[in-house]
Amino acid sequence: MLVFGHTGITLGVTLALGSHPSRISDFLKRLDLRVLLVGSLLPDIIDKPLGHFFFRETLNNGRIFGHTLVFLLILGIAGYLLYRRGHLWLLTLALGTFWHLIFDLMWLDPRTLLWPLFGLGFEKGAIDNVLSYWFFILFHDPADYIPEIIGLLVLAWFGIRLLRKKSLLPFIKSGKTSSTS
């Protein structure tokens, strides 16, 4: 998945889970959705530049530290500790990261997900030109372009919903909107 898949589907799942009255939905309605969207991209924000550009010669792998359970646990535990002090932003970031790992099917790559249990190193990638590869899969691999289309549709629906309810500015300022209830 690329940008629209991760952000749009994360937003859609979170809004769907928050749409039915429950303790979970009460919690989800308090989230800053802007932070959630950043969290949904955070593993790629960290790993793609590190793995494909800075450590291109040694790793050339876009799924390294940010795609591990250790990273998610550190975010989650720190987020929970901050949440107990009244701050929800880091826990929200962890939730977005959790959805990222789910949508990337990271359980199919236990060597990365469970790092460092299988050793301290990461597998070296075999992609020569990462940007060309991303462009190619975006238009040729249904496992990538279908989630991108779905995510784009969810984001478009959400944006139109915000515009119709005149909630775009409040959303931009706070990451919340009355239309998320």
C-alpha atoms as a PDB file:
ATOM      1  CA  MET A   1       0.000   0.000   0.000  1.00  0.00           C
ATOM      2  CA  LEU A   2       1.056   3.535  -0.623  1.00  0.00           C
ATOM      3  CA  VAL A   3      -0.201   6.889   0.722  1.00  0.00           C
ATOM      4  CA  PHE A   4      -3.927   6.846  -0.110  1.00  0.00           C
ATOM      5  CA  GLY A   5      -4.406   3.217   0.887  1.00  0.00           C
ATOM      6  CA  HIS A   6      -2.846   3.647   4.302  1.00  0.00           C
ATOM      7  CA  THR A   7      -4.455   6.985   5.148  1.00  0.00           C
ATOM      8  CA  GLY A   8      -7.873   6.427   3.606  1.00  0.00           C
ATOM      9  CA  ILE A   9      -8.449   2.906   4.843  1.00  0.00           C
ATOM     10  CA  THR A  10      -7.144   3.777   8.327  1.00  0.00           C
ATOM     11  CA  LEU A  11      -9.543   6.727   8.449  1.00  0.00           C
ATOM     12  CA  GLY A  12     -12.436   4.612   7.160  1.00  0.00           C
ATOM     13  CA  VAL A  13     -11.869   1.779   9.634  1.00  0.00           C
ATOM     14  CA  THR A  14     -11.511   4.199  12.544  1.00  0.00           C
ATOM     15  CA  LEU A  15     -14.668   6.118  11.608  1.00  0.00           C
ATOM     16  CA  ALA A  16     -16.581   2.851  11.145  1.00  0.00           C
ATOM     17  CA  LEU A  17     -15.453   1.537  14.540  1.00  0.00           C
ATOM     18  CA  GLY A  18     -16.371   4.869  16.115  1.00  0.00           C
ATOM     19  CA  SER A  19     -19.839   5.005  14.575  1.00  0.00           C
ATOM     20  CA  HIS A  20     -21.562   2.639  17.023  1.00  0.00           C
ATOM     21  CA  PRO A  21     -22.114   3.605  20.666  1.00  0.00           C
ATOM     22  CA  SER A  22     -19.568   1.864  22.885  1.00  0.00           C
ATOM     23  CA  ARG A  23     -16.594   2.632  25.095  1.00  0.00           C
ATOM     24  CA  ILE A  24     -14.320   2.106  22.079  1.00  0.00           C
ATOM     25  CA  SER A  25     -16.295   4.564  19.961  1.00  0.00           C
ATOM     26  CA  ASP A  26     -16.219   7.132  22.778  1.00  0.00           C
ATOM     27  CA  PHE A  27     -12.425   6.799  22.818  1.00  0.00           C
ATOM     28  CA  LEU A  28     -12.108   6.944  19.021  1.00  0.00           C
ATOM     29  CA  LYS A  29     -14.210  10.122  18.831  1.00  0.00           C
ATOM     30  CA  ARG A  30     -11.601  11.867  21.007  1.00  0.00           C
ATOM     31  CA  LEU A  31      -8.742  11.151  18.594  1.00  0.00           C
ATOM     32  CA  ASP A  32      -7.062  13.846  16.566  1.00  0.00           C
ATOM     33  CA  LEU A  33      -7.591  12.334  13.133  1.00  0.00           C
ATOM     34  CA  ARG A  34      -4.685  14.346  11.711  1.00  0.00           C
ATOM     35  CA  VAL A  35      -2.313  12.530  14.083  1.00  0.00           C
ATOM     36  CA  LEU A  36      -3.962   9.209  13.198  1.00  0.00           C
ATOM     37  CA  LEU A  37      -3.269   9.867   9.510  1.00  0.00           C
ATOM     38  CA  VAL A  38       0.385  10.657  10.240  1.00  0.00           C
ATOM     39  CA  GLY A  39       0.595   7.453  12.296  1.00  0.00           C
ATOM     40  CA  SER A  40      -0.831   5.481   9.381  1.00  0.00           C
ATOM     41  CA  LEU A  41       2.187   6.592   7.332  1.00  0.00           C
ATOM     42  CA  LEU A  42       4.799   6.704  10.121  1.00  0.00           C
ATOM     43  CA  PRO A  43       6.509   3.347   9.430  1.00  0.00           C
ATOM     44  CA  ASP A  44       7.014   4.371   5.789  1.00  0.00           C
ATOM     45  CA  ILE A  45       8.031   7.927   6.734  1.00  0.00           C
ATOM     46  CA  ILE A  46      10.828   6.398   8.828  1.00  0.00           C
ATOM     47  CA  ASP A  47      11.779   3.314   6.853  1.00  0.00           C
ATOM     48  CA  LYS A  48      11.559   4.326   3.194  1.00  0.00           C
ATOM     49  CA  PRO A  49      14.136   7.137   3.399  1.00  0.00           C
ATOM     50  CA  LEU A  50      16.370   5.170   5.790  1.00  0.00           C
ATOM     51  CA  GLY A  51      16.242   1.850   3.980  1.00  0.00           C
ATOM     52  CA  HIS A  52      16.091   2.924   0.349  1.00  0.00           C
ATOM     53  CA  PHE A  53      18.156   6.094   0.347  1.00  0.00           C
ATOM     54  CA  PHE A  54      20.441   6.473   3.385  1.00  0.00           C
ATOM     55  CA  PHE A  55      21.273   2.758   3.691  1.00  0.00           C
ATOM     56  CA  ARG A  56      20.752   1.897   0.033  1.00  0.00           C
ATOM     57  CA  GLU A  57      24.020   0.019  -0.331  1.00  0.00           C
ATOM     58  CA  THR A  58      23.626  -2.088   2.811  1.00  0.00           C
ATOM     59  CA  LEU A  59      19.832  -2.524   3.151  1.00  0.00           C
ATOM     60  CA  ASN A  60      17.806  -1.169   0.220  1.00  0.00           C
ATOM     61  CA  ASN A  61      14.744  -2.277   2.176  1.00  0.00           C
ATOM     62  CA  GLY A  62      11.786  -0.028   2.989  1.00  0.00           C
ATOM     63  CA  ARG A  63      10.523  -2.219   5.807  1.00  0.00           C
ATOM     64  CA  ILE A  64      12.922  -1.991   8.700  1.00  0.00           C
ATOM     65  CA  PHE A  65      12.624  -0.453  12.201  1.00  0.00           C
ATOM     66  CA  GLY A  66       9.244   1.263  11.789  1.00  0.00           C
ATOM     67  CA  HIS A  67       7.660  -1.976  10.595  1.00  0.00           C
ATOM     68  CA  THR A  68       8.591  -3.923  13.747  1.00  0.00           C
ATOM     69  CA  LEU A  69       6.502  -4.932  16.713  1.00  0.00           C
ATOM     70  CA  VAL A  70       9.191  -3.406  18.959  1.00  0.00           C
ATOM     71  CA  PHE A  71       8.576   0.010  17.387  1.00  0.00           C
ATOM     72  CA  LEU A  72       4.805  -0.352  17.806  1.00  0.00           C
ATOM     73  CA  LEU A  73       5.182  -1.473  21.432  1.00  0.00           C
ATOM     74  CA  ILE A  74       7.464   1.441  22.281  1.00  0.00           C
ATOM     75  CA  LEU A  75       4.966   3.873  20.731  1.00  0.00           C
ATOM     76  CA  GLY A  76       2.033   2.152  22.420  1.00  0.00           C
ATOM     77  CA  ILE A  77       3.567   1.986  25.894  1.00  0.00           C
ATOM     78  CA  ALA A  78       4.832   5.572  25.744  1.00  0.00           C
ATOM     79  CA  GLY A  79       1.449   6.611  24.345  1.00  0.00           C
ATOM     80  CA  TYR A  80      -0.387   4.873  27.175  1.00  0.00           C
ATOM     81  CA  LEU A  81       1.824   6.527  29.789  1.00  0.00           C
ATOM     82  CA  LEU A  82       1.132   9.944  28.232  1.00  0.00           C
ATOM     83  CA  TYR A  83      -2.581   9.100  27.960  1.00  0.00           C
ATOM     84  CA  ARG A  84      -2.692   8.516  31.708  1.00  0.00           C
ATOM     85  CA  ARG A  85      -1.427  12.092  32.058  1.00  0.00           C
ATOM     86  CA  GLY A  86      -4.148  13.417  29.776  1.00  0.00           C
ATOM     87  CA  HIS A  87      -2.323  13.437  26.422  1.00  0.00           C
ATOM     88  CA  LEU A  88      -3.773  11.319  23.637  1.00  0.00           C
ATOM     89  CA  TRP A  89      -1.560  12.220  20.667  1.00  0.00           C
ATOM     90  CA  LEU A  90       1.124   9.506  21.016  1.00  0.00           C
ATOM     91  CA  LEU A  91      -1.437   6.760  21.575  1.00  0.00           C
ATOM     92  CA  THR A  92      -3.224   8.021  18.453  1.00  0.00           C
ATOM     93  CA  LEU A  93       0.059   7.841  16.542  1.00  0.00           C
ATOM     94  CA  ALA A  94       0.501   4.256  17.787  1.00  0.00           C
ATOM     95  CA  LEU A  95      -3.010   3.349  16.599  1.00  0.00           C
ATOM     96  CA  GLY A  96      -2.231   4.649  13.119  1.00  0.00           C
ATOM     97  CA  THR A  97       1.025   2.674  13.137  1.00  0.00           C
ATOM     98  CA  PHE A  98      -0.865  -0.448  14.237  1.00  0.00           C
ATOM     99  CA  TRP A  99      -3.194  -0.138  11.234  1.00  0.00           C
ATOM    100  CA  HIS A 100      -0.188   0.394   8.959  1.00  0.00           C
ATOM    101  CA  LEU A 101       1.376  -2.894  10.082  1.00  0.00           C
ATOM    102  CA  ILE A 102      -1.953  -4.701   9.650  1.00  0.00           C
ATOM    103  CA  PHE A 103      -2.516  -3.326   6.138  1.00  0.00           C
ATOM    104  CA  ASP A 104       1.085  -4.158   5.149  1.00  0.00           C
ATOM    105  CA  LEU A 105       0.402  -7.792   6.194  1.00  0.00           C
ATOM    106  CA  MET A 106       3.526  -7.723   8.315  1.00  0.00           C
ATOM    107  CA  TRP A 107       2.739 -11.115   9.912  1.00  0.00           C
ATOM    108  CA  LEU A 108       3.804 -12.560   6.552  1.00  0.00           C
ATOM    109  CA  ASP A 109       7.302 -11.181   7.230  1.00  0.00           C
ATOM    110  CA  PRO A 110       8.032 -12.407  10.775  1.00  0.00           C
ATOM    111  CA  ARG A 111      11.762 -11.685  10.454  1.00  0.00           C
ATOM    112  CA  THR A 112      10.965  -7.966  10.232  1.00  0.00           C
ATOM    113  CA  LEU A 113       7.846  -7.877  12.430  1.00  0.00           C
ATOM    114  CA  LEU A 114       9.504  -9.773  15.276  1.00  0.00           C
ATOM    115  CA  TRP A 115      12.885  -8.058  14.960  1.00  0.00           C
ATOM    116  CA  PRO A 116      15.333  -8.596  16.742  1.00  0.00           C
ATOM    117  CA  LEU A 117      14.234 -12.162  17.642  1.00  0.00           C
ATOM    118  CA  PHE A 118      15.725 -13.554  14.396  1.00  0.00           C
ATOM    119  CA  GLY A 119      18.867 -11.429  14.511  1.00  0.00           C
ATOM    120  CA  LEU A 120      19.796  -7.763  14.456  1.00  0.00           C
ATOM    121  CA  GLY A 121      19.988  -7.425  10.683  1.00  0.00           C
ATOM    122  CA  PHE A 122      17.264  -6.842   8.131  1.00  0.00           C
ATOM    123  CA  GLU A 123      17.000  -8.536   4.761  1.00  0.00           C
ATOM    124  CA  LYS A 124      18.625  -6.690   1.886  1.00  0.00           C
ATOM    125  CA  GLY A 125      16.133  -5.635  -0.774  1.00  0.00           C
ATOM    126  CA  ALA A 126      16.611  -6.471  -4.433  1.00  0.00           C
ATOM    127  CA  ILE A 127      14.929  -3.456  -6.035  1.00  0.00           C
ATOM    128  CA  ASP A 128      17.297  -1.372  -8.164  1.00  0.00           C
ATOM    129  CA  ASN A 129      15.150   1.733  -8.749  1.00  0.00           C
ATOM    130  CA  VAL A 130      12.631   2.144  -5.941  1.00  0.00           C
ATOM    131  CA  LEU A 131      10.698   5.028  -7.502  1.00  0.00           C
ATOM    132  CA  SER A 132      10.220   3.141 -10.777  1.00  0.00           C
ATOM    133  CA  TYR A 133       9.143   0.064  -8.834  1.00  0.00           C
ATOM    134  CA  TRP A 134       6.525   2.031  -6.840  1.00  0.00           C
ATOM    135  CA  PHE A 135       5.210   3.581 -10.038  1.00  0.00           C
ATOM    136  CA  PHE A 136       5.043   0.167 -11.724  1.00  0.00           C
ATOM    137  CA  ILE A 137       3.175  -1.605  -8.897  1.00  0.00           C
ATOM    138  CA  LEU A 138       0.780   1.300  -8.523  1.00  0.00           C
ATOM    139  CA  PHE A 139      -0.535   0.645 -12.034  1.00  0.00           C
ATOM    140  CA  HIS A 140       0.075  -3.096 -12.424  1.00  0.00           C
ATOM    141  CA  ASP A 141      -0.447  -4.817  -9.068  1.00  0.00           C
ATOM    142  CA  PRO A 142      -4.065  -5.097  -7.841  1.00  0.00           C
ATOM    143  CA  ALA A 143      -2.782  -5.671  -4.303  1.00  0.00           C
ATOM    144  CA  ASP A 144      -1.498  -2.085  -4.452  1.00  0.00           C
ATOM    145  CA  TYR A 145      -3.780  -0.151  -6.768  1.00  0.00           C
ATOM    146  CA  ILE A 146      -7.077  -1.472  -5.354  1.00  0.00           C
ATOM    147  CA  PRO A 147      -6.308  -0.311  -1.763  1.00  0.00           C
ATOM    148  CA  GLU A 148      -5.075   2.994  -3.226  1.00  0.00           C
ATOM    149  CA  ILE A 149      -8.387   3.495  -5.039  1.00  0.00           C
ATOM    150  CA  ILE A 150     -10.387   2.507  -1.941  1.00  0.00           C
ATOM    151  CA  GLY A 151      -8.320   4.834   0.251  1.00  0.00           C
ATOM    152  CA  LEU A 152      -8.687   7.704  -2.214  1.00  0.00           C
ATOM    153  CA  LEU A 153     -12.456   7.176  -2.305  1.00  0.00           C
ATOM    154  CA  VAL A 154     -12.663   7.198   1.503  1.00  0.00           C
ATOM    155  CA  LEU A 155     -10.578  10.378   1.687  1.00  0.00           C
ATOM    156  CA  ALA A 156     -12.714  12.024  -1.016  1.00  0.00           C
ATOM    157  CA  TRP A 157     -15.915  10.994   0.794  1.00  0.00           C
ATOM    158  CA  PHE A 158     -14.549  12.371   4.070  1.00  0.00           C
ATOM    159  CA  GLY A 159     -13.448  15.628   2.446  1.00  0.00           C
ATOM    160  CA  ILE A 160     -16.834  16.114   0.762  1.00  0.00           C
ATOM    161  CA  ARG A 161     -18.552  15.317   4.057  1.00  0.00           C
ATOM    162  CA  LEU A 162     -16.457  17.953   5.832  1.00  0.00           C
ATOM    163  CA  LEU A 163     -17.218  20.522   3.128  1.00  0.00           C
ATOM    164  CA  ARG A 164     -20.975  19.837   3.197  1.00  0.00           C
ATOM    165  CA  LYS A 165     -21.108  20.146   6.984  1.00  0.00           C
ATOM    166  CA  LYS A 166     -18.851  23.210   6.864  1.00  0.00           C
ATOM    167  CA  SER A 167     -16.461  21.379   9.165  1.00  0.00           C
ATOM    168  CA  LEU A 168     -13.289  21.597   7.098  1.00  0.00           C
ATOM    169  CA  LEU A 169     -11.747  24.495   9.026  1.00  0.00           C
ATOM    170  CA  PRO A 170     -12.560  23.018  12.460  1.00  0.00           C
ATOM    171  CA  PHE A 171     -11.061  19.723  11.279  1.00  0.00           C
ATOM    172  CA  ILE A 172      -7.891  21.414  10.024  1.00  0.00           C
ATOM    173  CA  LYS A 173      -7.528  23.302  13.326  1.00  0.00           C
ATOM    174  CA  SER A 174      -8.305  20.460  15.740  1.00  0.00           C
ATOM    175  CA  GLY A 175      -8.308  17.162  13.881  1.00  0.00           C
ATOM    176  CA  LYS A 176     -11.836  16.604  15.113  1.00  0.00           C
ATOM    177  CA  THR A 177     -15.228  17.291  13.670  1.00  0.00           C
ATOM    178  CA  SER A 178     -18.756  16.825  14.838  1.00  0.00           C
ATOM    179  CA  SER A 179     -19.319  14.840  11.650  1.00  0.00           C
ATOM    180  CA  THR A 180     -17.105  12.013  12.943  1.00  0.00           C
ATOM    181  CA  SER A 181     -19.730  10.984  15.469  1.00  0.00           C
END
